[in-house]
Structures are given as C-alpha cells and as structure tokens.
C-alpha cells in the first residue's frame, strides 16, 4: 500500500522530490539510451511525474513501473527516435 497521499497537479514538488525524480530519470535515460530533448525523454519525465503524483515516491519503485510499462516499446521503436 502507498504510504503517501495522492498529490494534486497543483501541489509543489520539493527539492527532495526533484532529486528522486531526477535520479530515476537519469538512470532510465542511460539504461534505454535516451537522448535529452527527445520525445522519449519527455515521455519518461511525464510518466515519472504522473507516477510520483499518485504516491509512488521511491526512485526504485518509479523505475520499476516505467520499465514494466515501456521496456518493450522502447526496445522495438529505438530509444532515440523522436
């Protein structure tokens, strides 16, 4: 069960929250060879924030959820395709 309440889109993200999101983002981009400023990079960022706002606030859990959802899509389409 999640130990944090669901955040609203208008709730502020704190520096510690951004650190968690950045760590997950950087790891996933490196793992899937995603280049900055590509559609894939923006999609990863959006998904991480969406999951974070639902109460998934641990970097490892965030990364597992994103991997489970998109691993096949990224591998088939090529990570750097815009």
N, C-alpha and C. Protein backbone atom coordinates (compact mmCIF):
# COMPACT_ATOMS: atom_id res chain seq x y z
N UNK A 1 0.84 -1.18 0.00
CA UNK A 1 0.00 0.00 0.00
C UNK A 1 0.88 1.24 0.00
N UNK A 2 0.41 2.27 -0.63
CA UNK A 2 1.17 3.51 -0.67
C UNK A 2 1.09 4.22 0.67
N UNK A 3 2.21 4.77 1.09
CA UNK A 3 2.25 5.43 2.39
C UNK A 3 2.16 6.95 2.28
N UNK A 4 1.79 7.43 1.11
CA UNK A 4 1.71 8.86 0.89
C UNK A 4 0.42 9.17 0.15
N UNK A 5 -0.19 10.27 0.47
CA UNK A 5 -1.44 10.62 -0.19
C UNK A 5 -1.21 11.01 -1.63
N UNK A 6 -2.24 10.91 -2.42
CA UNK A 6 -2.16 11.29 -3.83
C UNK A 6 -2.02 12.80 -3.91
N UNK A 7 -1.07 13.25 -4.71
CA UNK A 7 -0.84 14.68 -4.87
C UNK A 7 -1.73 15.22 -5.98
N UNK A 8 -2.08 16.45 -5.86
CA UNK A 8 -2.81 17.13 -6.92
C UNK A 8 -1.79 17.73 -7.88
N UNK A 9 -2.18 17.94 -9.12
CA UNK A 9 -1.28 18.52 -10.11
C UNK A 9 -0.76 19.88 -9.69
N UNK A 10 -1.47 20.55 -8.80
CA UNK A 10 -1.07 21.89 -8.37
C UNK A 10 -0.15 21.86 -7.15
N UNK A 11 0.05 20.69 -6.54
CA UNK A 11 0.94 20.59 -5.38
C UNK A 11 2.38 20.84 -5.81
N UNK A 12 3.11 21.52 -4.96
CA UNK A 12 4.52 21.82 -5.25
C UNK A 12 5.36 20.55 -5.13
N UNK A 13 6.39 20.50 -5.95
CA UNK A 13 7.41 19.47 -5.81
C UNK A 13 8.56 20.10 -5.05
N UNK A 14 9.01 19.44 -4.01
CA UNK A 14 10.08 19.96 -3.18
C UNK A 14 11.43 19.53 -3.73
N UNK A 15 12.51 20.18 -3.32
CA UNK A 15 13.84 19.79 -3.82
C UNK A 15 14.13 18.29 -3.63
N UNK A 16 13.73 17.73 -2.52
CA UNK A 16 13.96 16.29 -2.30
C UNK A 16 13.15 15.46 -3.30
N UNK A 17 11.95 15.92 -3.65
CA UNK A 17 11.14 15.23 -4.66
C UNK A 17 11.83 15.28 -6.02
N UNK A 18 12.34 16.45 -6.36
CA UNK A 18 13.03 16.63 -7.64
C UNK A 18 14.29 15.77 -7.71
N UNK A 19 14.98 15.62 -6.58
CA UNK A 19 16.17 14.76 -6.55
C UNK A 19 15.81 13.31 -6.86
N UNK A 20 14.72 12.84 -6.30
CA UNK A 20 14.25 11.47 -6.55
C UNK A 20 13.88 11.31 -8.02
N UNK A 21 13.11 12.25 -8.54
CA UNK A 21 12.68 12.19 -9.93
C UNK A 21 13.87 12.27 -10.88
N UNK A 22 14.82 13.13 -10.58
CA UNK A 22 16.00 13.29 -11.45
C UNK A 22 16.85 12.02 -11.46
N UNK A 23 17.02 11.42 -10.30
CA UNK A 23 17.81 10.18 -10.22
C UNK A 23 17.16 9.08 -11.06
N UNK A 24 15.85 8.95 -10.95
CA UNK A 24 15.13 7.93 -11.73
C UNK A 24 15.21 8.26 -13.22
N UNK A 25 15.01 9.52 -13.57
CA UNK A 25 15.06 9.95 -14.97
C UNK A 25 16.43 9.67 -15.57
N UNK A 26 17.49 10.08 -14.88
CA UNK A 26 18.84 9.89 -15.40
C UNK A 26 19.16 8.41 -15.60
N UNK A 27 18.78 7.59 -14.63
CA UNK A 27 19.04 6.16 -14.73
C UNK A 27 18.30 5.54 -15.90
N UNK A 28 17.02 5.88 -16.05
CA UNK A 28 16.23 5.31 -17.15
C UNK A 28 16.73 5.77 -18.50
N UNK A 29 17.09 7.04 -18.62
CA UNK A 29 17.61 7.54 -19.89
C UNK A 29 18.92 6.84 -20.27
N UNK A 30 19.77 6.64 -19.29
CA UNK A 30 21.02 5.94 -19.57
C UNK A 30 20.75 4.48 -19.94
N UNK A 31 19.88 3.83 -19.19
CA UNK A 31 19.57 2.42 -19.43
C UNK A 31 19.00 2.19 -20.82
N UNK A 32 18.12 3.08 -21.27
CA UNK A 32 17.47 2.91 -22.56
C UNK A 32 18.11 3.75 -23.67
N UNK A 33 19.27 4.33 -23.38
CA UNK A 33 19.99 5.15 -24.36
C UNK A 33 19.10 6.24 -24.95
N UNK A 34 18.40 6.94 -24.06
CA UNK A 34 17.51 8.02 -24.47
C UNK A 34 18.28 9.33 -24.41
N UNK A 35 18.28 10.05 -25.50
CA UNK A 35 18.97 11.34 -25.58
C UNK A 35 18.10 12.46 -25.00
N UNK A 36 18.75 13.50 -24.44
CA UNK A 36 17.98 14.65 -23.94
C UNK A 36 17.22 15.34 -25.06
N UNK A 37 16.19 16.03 -24.71
CA UNK A 37 15.39 16.82 -25.65
C UNK A 37 14.81 15.99 -26.79
N UNK A 38 14.45 14.74 -26.50
CA UNK A 38 13.75 13.91 -27.48
C UNK A 38 12.36 13.62 -26.93
N UNK A 39 11.50 13.16 -27.80
CA UNK A 39 10.15 12.79 -27.38
C UNK A 39 10.20 11.71 -26.31
N UNK A 40 11.13 10.77 -26.44
CA UNK A 40 11.24 9.70 -25.45
C UNK A 40 11.63 10.25 -24.08
N UNK A 41 12.55 11.22 -24.04
CA UNK A 41 12.96 11.81 -22.77
C UNK A 41 11.79 12.53 -22.10
N UNK A 42 11.04 13.28 -22.89
CA UNK A 42 9.87 13.97 -22.33
C UNK A 42 8.82 12.98 -21.85
N UNK A 43 8.66 11.87 -22.56
CA UNK A 43 7.69 10.85 -22.16
C UNK A 43 8.09 10.22 -20.83
N UNK A 44 9.37 9.95 -20.65
CA UNK A 44 9.86 9.40 -19.38
C UNK A 44 9.60 10.39 -18.25
N UNK A 45 9.92 11.64 -18.47
CA UNK A 45 9.72 12.66 -17.43
C UNK A 45 8.24 12.78 -17.05
N UNK A 46 7.38 12.82 -18.06
CA UNK A 46 5.94 12.92 -17.78
C UNK A 46 5.44 11.73 -16.98
N UNK A 47 5.88 10.54 -17.37
CA UNK A 47 5.42 9.33 -16.67
C UNK A 47 5.94 9.29 -15.24
N UNK A 48 7.18 9.67 -15.03
CA UNK A 48 7.72 9.70 -13.67
C UNK A 48 6.93 10.66 -12.78
N UNK A 49 6.64 11.84 -13.29
CA UNK A 49 5.88 12.82 -12.51
C UNK A 49 4.47 12.31 -12.24
N UNK A 50 3.84 11.72 -13.25
CA UNK A 50 2.49 11.18 -13.06
C UNK A 50 2.48 10.12 -11.97
N UNK A 51 3.43 9.20 -12.03
CA UNK A 51 3.51 8.14 -11.02
C UNK A 51 3.81 8.72 -9.64
N UNK A 52 4.71 9.70 -9.58
CA UNK A 52 5.05 10.34 -8.31
C UNK A 52 3.81 10.97 -7.69
N UNK A 53 3.00 11.61 -8.51
CA UNK A 53 1.80 12.27 -8.00
C UNK A 53 0.75 11.29 -7.51
N UNK A 54 0.85 10.03 -7.92
CA UNK A 54 -0.10 9.02 -7.43
C UNK A 54 0.36 8.42 -6.11
N UNK A 55 1.56 8.84 -5.65
CA UNK A 55 2.04 8.35 -4.37
C UNK A 55 3.24 7.43 -4.45
N UNK A 56 3.71 7.14 -5.64
CA UNK A 56 4.89 6.29 -5.83
C UNK A 56 6.11 7.20 -5.70
N UNK A 57 6.74 7.22 -4.54
CA UNK A 57 7.75 8.24 -4.27
C UNK A 57 9.17 7.70 -4.08
N UNK A 58 9.38 6.42 -4.25
CA UNK A 58 10.72 5.85 -4.16
C UNK A 58 11.29 5.69 -5.56
N UNK A 59 12.54 6.09 -5.76
CA UNK A 59 13.16 6.03 -7.09
C UNK A 59 13.12 4.62 -7.66
N UNK A 60 13.43 3.62 -6.86
CA UNK A 60 13.45 2.24 -7.36
C UNK A 60 12.07 1.80 -7.83
N UNK A 61 11.05 2.16 -7.10
CA UNK A 61 9.68 1.79 -7.47
C UNK A 61 9.26 2.52 -8.74
N UNK A 62 9.60 3.78 -8.84
CA UNK A 62 9.29 4.55 -10.04
C UNK A 62 9.93 3.92 -11.27
N UNK A 63 11.20 3.56 -11.14
CA UNK A 63 11.91 2.97 -12.27
C UNK A 63 11.34 1.62 -12.67
N UNK A 64 10.96 0.81 -11.69
CA UNK A 64 10.35 -0.49 -12.00
C UNK A 64 9.05 -0.30 -12.76
N UNK A 65 8.25 0.66 -12.35
CA UNK A 65 6.96 0.89 -13.00
C UNK A 65 7.15 1.37 -14.44
N UNK A 66 8.08 2.28 -14.65
CA UNK A 66 8.33 2.78 -16.01
C UNK A 66 8.90 1.68 -16.89
N UNK A 67 9.84 0.91 -16.36
CA UNK A 67 10.41 -0.20 -17.13
C UNK A 67 9.34 -1.19 -17.53
N UNK A 68 8.50 -1.55 -16.60
CA UNK A 68 7.46 -2.54 -16.88
C UNK A 68 6.50 -2.06 -17.96
N UNK A 69 6.23 -0.78 -17.96
CA UNK A 69 5.28 -0.24 -18.93
C UNK A 69 5.88 -0.08 -20.32
N UNK A 70 7.14 0.36 -20.38
CA UNK A 70 7.67 0.78 -21.67
C UNK A 70 8.87 0.02 -22.20
N UNK A 71 9.41 -0.94 -21.51
CA UNK A 71 10.61 -1.62 -21.97
C UNK A 71 10.45 -2.15 -23.39
N UNK A 72 9.40 -2.86 -23.66
CA UNK A 72 9.20 -3.43 -24.99
C UNK A 72 9.03 -2.35 -26.04
N UNK A 73 8.28 -1.31 -25.74
CA UNK A 73 8.06 -0.23 -26.70
C UNK A 73 9.38 0.45 -27.08
N UNK A 74 10.22 0.75 -26.08
CA UNK A 74 11.47 1.45 -26.36
C UNK A 74 12.43 0.56 -27.13
N UNK A 75 12.49 -0.71 -26.79
CA UNK A 75 13.42 -1.60 -27.46
C UNK A 75 12.99 -1.82 -28.92
N UNK A 76 11.70 -1.89 -29.17
CA UNK A 76 11.23 -2.13 -30.54
C UNK A 76 11.33 -0.88 -31.40
N UNK A 77 11.03 0.29 -30.83
CA UNK A 77 10.99 1.52 -31.62
C UNK A 77 12.35 2.20 -31.72
N UNK A 78 13.25 1.89 -30.83
CA UNK A 78 14.53 2.61 -30.80
C UNK A 78 14.40 3.80 -29.89
N UNK A 79 15.18 3.85 -28.85
CA UNK A 79 15.04 4.84 -27.79
C UNK A 79 15.16 6.28 -28.27
N UNK A 80 16.01 6.53 -29.23
CA UNK A 80 16.32 7.91 -29.60
C UNK A 80 15.40 8.46 -30.68
N UNK A 81 14.44 7.70 -31.11
CA UNK A 81 13.52 8.19 -32.13
C UNK A 81 12.66 9.29 -31.52
N UNK A 82 12.54 10.37 -32.21
CA UNK A 82 11.76 11.50 -31.68
C UNK A 82 10.29 11.38 -31.93
